[in-house]
């Protein structure tokens, strides 16, 4: 998984769009804490939108 926040944003949104029905499912497969991803992306102004299944 990318270390850079903006690369992480792109990577996760692509995975959510193409492969995963939820952030929880993505985190379960990748073995990463959801809180860690949400904190890292919140730091650059992006928050998970469940209805869209994407960070916006």
C-alpha atoms as a PDB file:
ATOM      1  CA  UNK A   1       0.000   0.000   0.000  1.00  0.00           C
ATOM      2  CA  UNK A   2       1.366   3.457  -0.864  1.00  0.00           C
ATOM      3  CA  UNK A   3       2.955   5.565   1.889  1.00  0.00           C
ATOM      4  CA  UNK A   4       2.169   8.911   0.268  1.00  0.00           C
ATOM      5  CA  UNK A   5      -1.303  10.141   1.303  1.00  0.00           C
ATOM      6  CA  UNK A   6      -2.349  11.212  -2.189  1.00  0.00           C
ATOM      7  CA  UNK A   7      -1.186   7.954  -3.743  1.00  0.00           C
ATOM      8  CA  UNK A   8      -3.021   6.095  -0.971  1.00  0.00           C
ATOM      9  CA  UNK A   9      -6.188   8.064  -1.763  1.00  0.00           C
ATOM     10  CA  UNK A  10      -5.993   7.107  -5.436  1.00  0.00           C
ATOM     11  CA  UNK A  11      -5.155   3.479  -4.658  1.00  0.00           C
ATOM     12  CA  UNK A  12      -7.987   3.007  -2.160  1.00  0.00           C
ATOM     13  CA  UNK A  13     -10.631   4.787  -4.239  1.00  0.00           C
ATOM     14  CA  UNK A  14      -9.712   2.650  -7.233  1.00  0.00           C
ATOM     15  CA  UNK A  15      -9.925  -0.540  -5.172  1.00  0.00           C
ATOM     16  CA  UNK A  16     -13.260   0.543  -3.663  1.00  0.00           C
ATOM     17  CA  UNK A  17     -14.656   1.351  -7.090  1.00  0.00           C
ATOM     18  CA  UNK A  18     -13.426  -1.810  -8.821  1.00  0.00           C
ATOM     19  CA  UNK A  19     -13.191  -4.546  -6.195  1.00  0.00           C
ATOM     20  CA  UNK A  20     -14.721  -3.792  -2.795  1.00  0.00           C
ATOM     21  CA  UNK A  21     -18.266  -3.039  -1.632  1.00  0.00           C
ATOM     22  CA  UNK A  22     -17.033  -1.260   1.509  1.00  0.00           C
ATOM     23  CA  UNK A  23     -14.016   0.174   3.273  1.00  0.00           C
ATOM     24  CA  UNK A  24     -14.390  -2.546   5.911  1.00  0.00           C
ATOM     25  CA  UNK A  25     -14.041  -5.289   3.296  1.00  0.00           C
ATOM     26  CA  UNK A  26     -10.935  -3.594   1.851  1.00  0.00           C
ATOM     27  CA  UNK A  27      -9.337  -3.302   5.300  1.00  0.00           C
ATOM     28  CA  UNK A  28     -10.123  -6.928   6.135  1.00  0.00           C
ATOM     29  CA  UNK A  29      -8.396  -8.170   2.971  1.00  0.00           C
ATOM     30  CA  UNK A  30      -5.379  -5.900   3.366  1.00  0.00           C
ATOM     31  CA  UNK A  31      -5.096  -6.387   7.137  1.00  0.00           C
ATOM     32  CA  UNK A  32      -4.929  -2.682   7.861  1.00  0.00           C
ATOM     33  CA  UNK A  33      -6.815  -0.780  10.557  1.00  0.00           C
ATOM     34  CA  UNK A  34      -9.638   1.315   9.121  1.00  0.00           C
ATOM     35  CA  UNK A  35      -8.901   4.076  11.650  1.00  0.00           C
ATOM     36  CA  UNK A  36      -5.340   4.416  10.367  1.00  0.00           C
ATOM     37  CA  UNK A  37      -6.496   4.915   6.775  1.00  0.00           C
ATOM     38  CA  UNK A  38      -9.238   7.342   7.792  1.00  0.00           C
ATOM     39  CA  UNK A  39      -6.809   9.394   9.918  1.00  0.00           C
ATOM     40  CA  UNK A  40      -4.190   9.552   7.185  1.00  0.00           C
ATOM     41  CA  UNK A  41      -6.702  10.673   4.536  1.00  0.00           C
ATOM     42  CA  UNK A  42      -8.494  13.069   6.906  1.00  0.00           C
ATOM     43  CA  UNK A  43      -5.145  14.827   7.329  1.00  0.00           C
ATOM     44  CA  UNK A  44      -5.334  15.821   3.633  1.00  0.00           C
ATOM     45  CA  UNK A  45      -9.033  16.674   3.784  1.00  0.00           C
ATOM     46  CA  UNK A  46     -10.670  13.452   2.577  1.00  0.00           C
ATOM     47  CA  UNK A  47     -13.357  11.519   4.432  1.00  0.00           C
ATOM     48  CA  UNK A  48     -15.059   8.206   3.674  1.00  0.00           C
ATOM     49  CA  UNK A  49     -18.535   8.532   2.172  1.00  0.00           C
ATOM     50  CA  UNK A  50     -20.372   5.238   2.729  1.00  0.00           C
ATOM     51  CA  UNK A  51     -23.118   6.077   0.245  1.00  0.00           C
ATOM     52  CA  UNK A  52     -20.562   6.525  -2.537  1.00  0.00           C
ATOM     53  CA  UNK A  53     -18.093   3.985  -1.171  1.00  0.00           C
ATOM     54  CA  UNK A  54     -15.265   6.444  -1.745  1.00  0.00           C
ATOM     55  CA  UNK A  55     -13.151   9.048  -0.040  1.00  0.00           C
ATOM     56  CA  UNK A  56     -14.271  12.550  -0.969  1.00  0.00           C
END
